[in-house]
């Protein structure tokens, strides 16, 4: 490679984007396509409405990223969203004058407790995270159905719904600063010692443990943060969608799709949280574009499946040497069995 190439500012800028470069490019293309399809898309009200719709998925993707980059999965986040919406409505049905901040904090704590349970079962009982969180998803969905009979009866007051549907200063949806705060916190977290140990754990659990990382604690905390992020997403969903026993259905798969679309390696050890959140915006932009083109919403699941298979396939074929190295580092020092 020539010196001119290595010193080219554009090349250096592209390299700094790392594994997230493709999703950033995709997001730009999708936003341009939306502008061409709908000339009014970038009017302030329309664009901010798009961000508001994308915000819950963006927050879920940030939490899901923490779990995936550490080597796990969290399939319970959609059920946490549903349970949060229903629990808030039922609580207000019994205590209509409860302060919205108190209820919100309560939901965040409950989401974190669900994440704690997922983390402890996964790390202490050695149950694979896929099975643990799948079971938690079924438990929460069954509990919601039993509690409500499939039809929640509570009503969310305007004070509680303000965070999901209201605006700050009369024009900026609260969902926008929520995404900014979550994104900034996630970036800070991943640049801290915890973030580095989280990635190291996903890259090689054994090597991380030998280096002194408390792997169970790190992974459990990732699940706790994912559960809290799902609870925050529930508050936003409740705000602009209202009460429904189906409020979070399918969001767990959308979050995983967004993370994979952001270039995060399934199995852990590689990826950017900013790229994962950009993946969520890209997925929402793609669904919006398909809707504007008159494509049936029933195809959204098909699109997600294609994205996951394609992204994982490209990641696997593009880094075979890394995969072999990681398998080698995960083997016991005495050799293979």
Protein backbone atom coordinates (compact mmCIF):
# COMPACT_ATOMS: atom_id res chain seq x y z
CA UNK A 1 0.00 0.00 0.00
CA UNK A 2 1.35 3.40 -0.98
CA UNK A 3 2.07 6.18 1.48
CA UNK A 4 -0.51 8.38 -0.26
CA UNK A 5 -3.18 5.80 0.41
CA UNK A 6 -2.31 5.38 4.07
CA UNK A 7 -2.31 9.14 4.63
CA UNK A 8 -5.51 9.80 2.72
CA UNK A 9 -7.92 11.51 5.18
CA UNK A 10 -10.94 9.75 3.68
CA UNK A 11 -9.30 6.34 4.09
CA UNK A 12 -8.31 7.10 7.67
CA UNK A 13 -11.81 8.34 8.47
CA UNK A 14 -13.34 5.17 6.98
CA UNK A 15 -11.01 2.98 9.04
CA UNK A 16 -11.96 4.78 12.22
CA UNK A 17 -15.54 3.68 11.62
CA UNK A 18 -14.34 0.10 12.07
CA UNK A 19 -16.85 -2.73 11.72
CA UNK A 20 -19.72 -0.23 11.73
CA UNK A 21 -18.77 1.37 8.41
CA UNK A 22 -21.22 -0.70 6.30
CA UNK A 23 -24.23 0.11 8.51
CA UNK A 24 -23.41 3.83 8.52
CA UNK A 25 -23.28 3.74 4.72
CA UNK A 26 -26.54 1.77 4.62
CA UNK A 27 -28.24 4.29 6.91
CA UNK A 28 -27.19 7.17 4.66
CA UNK A 29 -28.55 5.32 1.60
CA UNK A 30 -31.86 4.52 3.31
CA UNK A 31 -32.33 8.08 4.53
CA UNK A 32 -31.62 9.36 1.01
CA UNK A 33 -34.13 6.86 -0.42
CA UNK A 34 -36.73 8.04 2.10
CA UNK A 35 -36.15 11.63 1.04
CA UNK A 36 -36.69 10.69 -2.60
CA UNK A 37 -39.78 8.60 -1.84
CA UNK A 38 -41.35 11.13 0.51
CA UNK A 39 -40.21 14.73 -0.14
CA UNK A 40 -41.70 15.79 3.17
CA UNK A 41 -39.77 13.22 5.20
CA UNK A 42 -37.21 15.76 6.42
CA UNK A 43 -39.75 18.28 7.56
CA UNK A 44 -39.15 18.65 11.32
CA UNK A 45 -42.41 17.05 12.43
CA UNK A 46 -42.07 14.07 10.10
CA UNK A 47 -38.42 13.40 10.85
CA UNK A 48 -38.86 13.74 14.61
CA UNK A 49 -41.83 11.37 14.41
CA UNK A 50 -39.53 8.84 12.70
CA UNK A 51 -36.97 9.20 15.49
CA UNK A 52 -39.72 8.77 18.08
CA UNK A 53 -40.82 5.50 16.45
CA UNK A 54 -37.24 4.25 16.28
CA UNK A 55 -36.28 5.23 19.85
CA UNK A 56 -37.51 2.09 21.69
CA UNK A 57 -35.67 -0.18 19.25
CA UNK A 58 -32.51 1.96 19.48
CA UNK A 59 -32.52 1.67 23.27
CA UNK A 60 -33.20 -2.07 23.10
CA UNK A 61 -30.33 -2.49 20.64
CA UNK A 62 -27.93 -0.75 23.04
CA UNK A 63 -28.89 -3.15 25.82
CA UNK A 64 -28.87 -6.19 23.54
CA UNK A 65 -25.41 -5.19 22.31
CA UNK A 66 -23.98 -5.49 25.84
CA UNK A 67 -25.22 -9.05 26.12
CA UNK A 68 -24.24 -10.15 22.61
CA UNK A 69 -20.73 -8.65 22.70
CA UNK A 70 -20.13 -10.58 25.94
CA UNK A 71 -21.09 -13.84 24.21
CA UNK A 72 -24.79 -14.22 25.06
CA UNK A 73 -28.34 -13.51 23.89
CA UNK A 74 -31.32 -11.86 25.56
CA UNK A 75 -34.60 -13.04 24.10
CA UNK A 76 -36.64 -11.73 27.03
CA UNK A 77 -36.49 -7.99 26.22
CA UNK A 78 -39.70 -7.96 24.15
CA UNK A 79 -41.58 -9.67 26.98
CA UNK A 80 -40.10 -7.17 29.45
CA UNK A 81 -41.51 -4.35 27.30
CA UNK A 82 -44.95 -5.97 27.26
CA UNK A 83 -44.86 -6.68 30.99
CA UNK A 84 -43.73 -3.11 31.71
CA UNK A 85 -46.57 -1.57 29.71
CA UNK A 86 -49.20 -3.84 31.26
CA UNK A 87 -47.81 -3.52 34.79
CA UNK A 88 -47.84 0.27 34.52
CA UNK A 89 -51.45 0.29 33.35
CA UNK A 90 -52.60 -2.14 36.02
CA UNK A 91 -50.76 -0.20 38.73
CA UNK A 92 -52.39 3.06 37.69
CA UNK A 93 -55.73 1.26 37.66
CA UNK A 94 -55.30 0.71 41.41
CA UNK A 95 -53.35 3.89 42.23
CA UNK A 96 -54.39 6.56 39.70
CA UNK A 97 -52.61 9.37 41.54
CA UNK A 98 -49.19 7.67 41.69
CA UNK A 99 -46.31 9.97 40.60
CA UNK A 100 -45.12 9.10 37.10
CA UNK A 101 -41.47 9.28 38.14
CA UNK A 102 -42.01 6.74 40.92
CA UNK A 103 -43.74 4.32 38.54
CA UNK A 104 -41.00 4.77 35.93
CA UNK A 105 -38.24 4.08 38.46
CA UNK A 106 -40.18 1.04 39.66
CA UNK A 107 -40.36 -0.34 36.11
CA UNK A 108 -36.63 0.24 35.59
CA UNK A 109 -35.85 -1.64 38.81
CA UNK A 110 -38.19 -4.48 37.80
CA UNK A 111 -36.49 -4.73 34.40
CA UNK A 112 -33.09 -4.83 36.07
CA UNK A 113 -34.31 -7.61 38.40
CA UNK A 114 -35.40 -9.67 35.38
CA UNK A 115 -31.95 -9.11 33.89
CA UNK A 116 -30.34 -10.12 37.17
CA UNK A 117 -32.30 -13.38 37.17
CA UNK A 118 -31.23 -14.04 33.57
CA UNK A 119 -27.60 -13.33 34.40
CA UNK A 120 -27.48 -15.47 37.54
CA UNK A 121 -29.17 -18.43 35.88
CA UNK A 122 -26.82 -18.17 32.90
CA UNK A 123 -23.58 -17.71 34.84
CA UNK A 124 -24.20 -19.64 38.06
CA UNK A 125 -26.33 -22.53 36.83
CA UNK A 126 -24.50 -22.61 33.47
CA UNK A 127 -27.73 -22.62 31.48
CA UNK A 128 -27.10 -21.25 27.96
CA UNK A 129 -28.36 -17.68 27.70
CA UNK A 130 -30.51 -18.56 24.69
CA UNK A 131 -32.46 -21.11 26.78
CA UNK A 132 -32.52 -18.93 29.91
CA UNK A 133 -33.95 -15.87 28.21
CA UNK A 134 -36.30 -17.91 26.03
CA UNK A 135 -37.70 -19.41 29.21
CA UNK A 136 -37.95 -15.97 30.82
CA UNK A 137 -39.78 -14.69 27.76
CA UNK A 138 -42.35 -17.49 28.05
CA UNK A 139 -42.71 -16.92 31.81
CA UNK A 140 -43.38 -13.21 31.40
CA UNK A 141 -45.76 -13.67 28.48
CA UNK A 142 -47.71 -16.32 30.41
CA UNK A 143 -47.81 -14.16 33.53
CA UNK A 144 -49.13 -11.16 31.57
CA UNK A 145 -51.83 -13.27 29.92
CA UNK A 146 -52.86 -14.82 33.25
CA UNK A 147 -52.89 -11.44 34.98
CA UNK A 148 -54.95 -9.65 32.35
CA UNK A 149 -56.85 -12.46 30.67
CA UNK A 150 -55.38 -11.19 27.42
CA UNK A 151 -57.04 -7.80 27.76
CA UNK A 152 -55.36 -5.21 30.04
CA UNK A 153 -57.93 -2.99 31.74
CA UNK A 154 -55.81 -0.23 33.24
CA UNK A 155 -55.41 3.26 31.81
CA UNK A 156 -52.15 5.20 31.66
CA UNK A 157 -52.47 8.85 32.70
CA UNK A 158 -51.21 11.67 30.54
CA UNK A 159 -48.41 12.45 33.00
CA UNK A 160 -46.92 8.98 32.49
CA UNK A 161 -47.46 8.96 28.72
CA UNK A 162 -45.79 12.36 28.33
CA UNK A 163 -42.32 10.80 28.15
CA UNK A 164 -43.27 8.66 25.16
CA UNK A 165 -45.58 11.01 23.27
CA UNK A 166 -44.81 14.50 24.60
CA UNK A 167 -42.19 17.06 23.66
CA UNK A 168 -39.56 19.14 25.43
CA UNK A 169 -39.83 22.84 24.71
CA UNK A 170 -42.90 22.23 22.60
CA UNK A 171 -41.07 20.67 19.63
CA UNK A 172 -38.44 18.06 20.61
CA UNK A 173 -39.85 14.61 21.49
CA UNK A 174 -38.55 13.29 24.81
CA UNK A 175 -37.54 10.14 22.90
CA UNK A 176 -34.72 12.08 21.24
CA UNK A 177 -32.85 13.12 24.42
CA UNK A 178 -33.58 9.62 25.79
CA UNK A 179 -31.69 8.09 22.84
CA UNK A 180 -28.86 10.61 23.20
CA UNK A 181 -28.47 9.93 26.93
CA UNK A 182 -28.57 6.15 26.46
CA UNK A 183 -26.10 6.36 23.58
CA UNK A 184 -23.69 8.58 25.50
CA UNK A 185 -23.90 6.32 28.56
CA UNK A 186 -23.28 3.22 26.43
CA UNK A 187 -20.25 4.77 24.72
CA UNK A 188 -18.81 5.86 28.08
CA UNK A 189 -19.44 2.39 29.49
CA UNK A 190 -17.72 0.62 26.60
CA UNK A 191 -14.67 2.90 26.90
CA UNK A 192 -14.38 2.12 30.61
CA UNK A 193 -12.65 -0.88 32.15
CA UNK A 194 -15.99 -2.66 32.30
CA UNK A 195 -16.50 -2.27 28.56
CA UNK A 196 -13.06 -3.61 27.75
CA UNK A 197 -13.54 -6.61 30.02
CA UNK A 198 -16.97 -7.20 28.48
CA UNK A 199 -15.47 -7.43 24.99
CA UNK A 200 -12.60 -9.57 26.27
CA UNK A 201 -15.08 -11.96 27.87
CA UNK A 202 -16.95 -12.35 24.60
CA UNK A 203 -13.71 -12.86 22.68
CA UNK A 204 -12.47 -15.65 24.96
CA UNK A 205 -14.06 -16.45 28.30
CA UNK A 206 -11.12 -18.59 29.37
CA UNK A 207 -8.49 -16.01 28.48
CA UNK A 208 -10.48 -13.30 30.25
CA UNK A 209 -10.75 -15.43 33.39
CA UNK A 210 -7.01 -16.14 33.35
CA UNK A 211 -6.41 -12.39 33.08
CA UNK A 212 -8.36 -11.84 36.29
CA UNK A 213 -11.76 -10.85 34.87
CA UNK A 214 -14.70 -11.89 37.02
CA UNK A 215 -16.60 -13.31 34.08
CA UNK A 216 -19.87 -14.19 35.89
CA UNK A 217 -20.11 -10.70 37.37
CA UNK A 218 -19.39 -8.98 34.04
CA UNK A 219 -21.94 -11.04 32.12
CA UNK A 220 -24.58 -10.70 34.82
CA UNK A 221 -24.22 -6.92 34.79
CA UNK A 222 -24.69 -6.95 31.01
CA UNK A 223 -28.03 -8.75 31.47
CA UNK A 224 -29.05 -6.31 34.23
CA UNK A 225 -28.40 -3.33 31.94
CA UNK A 226 -30.25 -5.02 29.08
CA UNK A 227 -33.28 -5.56 31.32
CA UNK A 228 -33.22 -1.93 32.48
CA UNK A 229 -32.97 -0.75 28.85
CA UNK A 230 -36.01 -2.88 27.97
CA UNK A 231 -37.96 -1.30 30.83
CA UNK A 232 -37.06 2.19 29.58
CA UNK A 233 -38.21 1.17 26.10
CA UNK A 234 -41.48 0.01 27.70
CA UNK A 235 -42.08 3.51 29.07
CA UNK A 236 -41.61 4.99 25.57
CA UNK A 237 -43.83 2.36 23.93
CA UNK A 238 -46.53 2.90 26.53
CA UNK A 239 -46.37 6.62 25.85
CA UNK A 240 -47.11 6.64 22.14
CA UNK A 241 -48.80 3.25 21.63
CA UNK A 242 -50.92 2.88 24.74
CA UNK A 243 -51.78 -0.33 26.60
CA UNK A 244 -51.60 -3.65 24.79
CA UNK A 245 -50.81 -7.24 25.71
CA UNK A 246 -48.83 -7.38 22.43
CA UNK A 247 -46.82 -4.18 23.00
CA UNK A 248 -43.37 -5.79 22.86
CA UNK A 249 -44.01 -8.83 20.71
CA UNK A 250 -41.17 -9.41 18.26
CA UNK A 251 -38.99 -6.59 19.58
CA UNK A 252 -36.40 -9.08 20.85
CA UNK A 253 -35.77 -10.29 17.31
CA UNK A 254 -35.73 -6.76 15.92
CA UNK A 255 -33.12 -5.81 18.52
CA UNK A 256 -30.92 -8.79 17.63
CA UNK A 257 -31.32 -7.98 13.93
CA UNK A 258 -30.29 -4.38 14.56
CA UNK A 259 -27.19 -5.46 16.49
CA UNK A 260 -26.16 -7.92 13.80
CA UNK A 261 -26.83 -5.32 11.10
CA UNK A 262 -24.45 -3.05 13.03
CA UNK A 263 -21.61 -5.50 12.44
CA UNK A 264 -21.53 -6.96 15.95
CA UNK A 265 -20.22 -10.52 15.91
CA UNK A 266 -22.66 -13.11 17.24
CA UNK A 267 -20.70 -15.01 19.86
CA UNK A 268 -19.11 -11.82 21.17
CA UNK A 269 -15.74 -10.15 21.11
CA UNK A 270 -16.26 -7.60 18.32
CA UNK A 271 -18.53 -4.68 17.54
CA UNK A 272 -19.47 -1.09 18.33
CA UNK A 273 -22.46 -0.01 20.41
CA UNK A 274 -22.87 3.08 18.22
CA UNK A 275 -23.03 0.84 15.15
CA UNK A 276 -25.61 -1.36 16.89
CA UNK A 277 -27.79 1.69 17.54
CA UNK A 278 -27.26 2.81 13.94
CA UNK A 279 -28.43 -0.66 12.95
CA UNK A 280 -31.68 0.00 14.81
CA UNK A 281 -32.18 3.30 12.96
CA UNK A 282 -31.39 1.54 9.67
CA UNK A 283 -33.92 -1.20 10.37
CA UNK A 284 -36.62 1.34 11.22
CA UNK A 285 -35.73 3.33 8.10
CA UNK A 286 -35.98 0.18 5.99
CA UNK A 287 -39.40 -0.70 7.41
CA UNK A 288 -40.57 2.88 6.82
CA UNK A 289 -39.33 2.78 3.22
CA UNK A 290 -41.07 -0.54 2.57
CA UNK A 291 -44.28 0.89 4.00
CA UNK A 292 -44.05 3.95 1.77
CA UNK A 293 -43.51 1.65 -1.22
CA UNK A 294 -46.69 -0.24 -0.36
CA UNK A 295 -44.91 -3.45 0.67
CA UNK A 296 -46.90 -5.50 3.17
CA UNK A 297 -45.78 -5.21 6.79
CA UNK A 298 -46.08 -8.98 6.99
CA UNK A 299 -42.75 -9.16 5.13
CA UNK A 300 -40.87 -7.43 7.96
CA UNK A 301 -40.03 -10.78 9.57
CA UNK A 302 -38.79 -12.07 6.23
CA UNK A 303 -36.55 -9.03 5.84
CA UNK A 304 -35.18 -9.52 9.35
CA UNK A 305 -34.40 -13.17 8.63
CA UNK A 306 -32.55 -12.30 5.43
CA UNK A 307 -30.53 -9.61 7.24
CA UNK A 308 -29.49 -11.92 10.08
CA UNK A 309 -28.45 -14.77 7.77
CA UNK A 310 -26.60 -12.45 5.38
CA UNK A 311 -24.81 -10.49 8.11
CA UNK A 312 -23.73 -13.56 10.05
CA UNK A 313 -22.69 -15.34 6.87
CA UNK A 314 -20.56 -12.41 5.71
CA UNK A 315 -19.00 -12.10 9.14
CA UNK A 316 -18.11 -15.79 9.25
CA UNK A 317 -16.61 -15.92 5.76
CA UNK A 318 -14.72 -12.69 6.23
CA UNK A 319 -12.86 -13.65 9.40
CA UNK A 320 -12.05 -17.39 9.27
CA UNK A 321 -8.64 -16.86 10.82
CA UNK A 322 -10.18 -15.10 13.78
CA UNK A 323 -12.69 -17.88 14.28
CA UNK A 324 -9.94 -20.50 14.29
CA UNK A 325 -7.89 -18.45 16.73
CA UNK A 326 -10.82 -18.04 19.09
CA UNK A 327 -11.55 -21.77 19.01
CA UNK A 328 -7.91 -22.47 19.77
CA UNK A 329 -7.83 -20.04 22.71
CA UNK A 330 -11.01 -21.56 24.14
CA UNK A 331 -9.49 -25.04 24.29
CA UNK A 332 -8.00 -26.34 27.55
CA UNK A 333 -4.23 -26.11 27.78
CA UNK A 334 -3.95 -29.89 27.80
CA UNK A 335 -5.11 -30.17 24.21
CA UNK A 336 -8.31 -31.29 22.55
CA UNK A 337 -10.47 -34.08 23.80
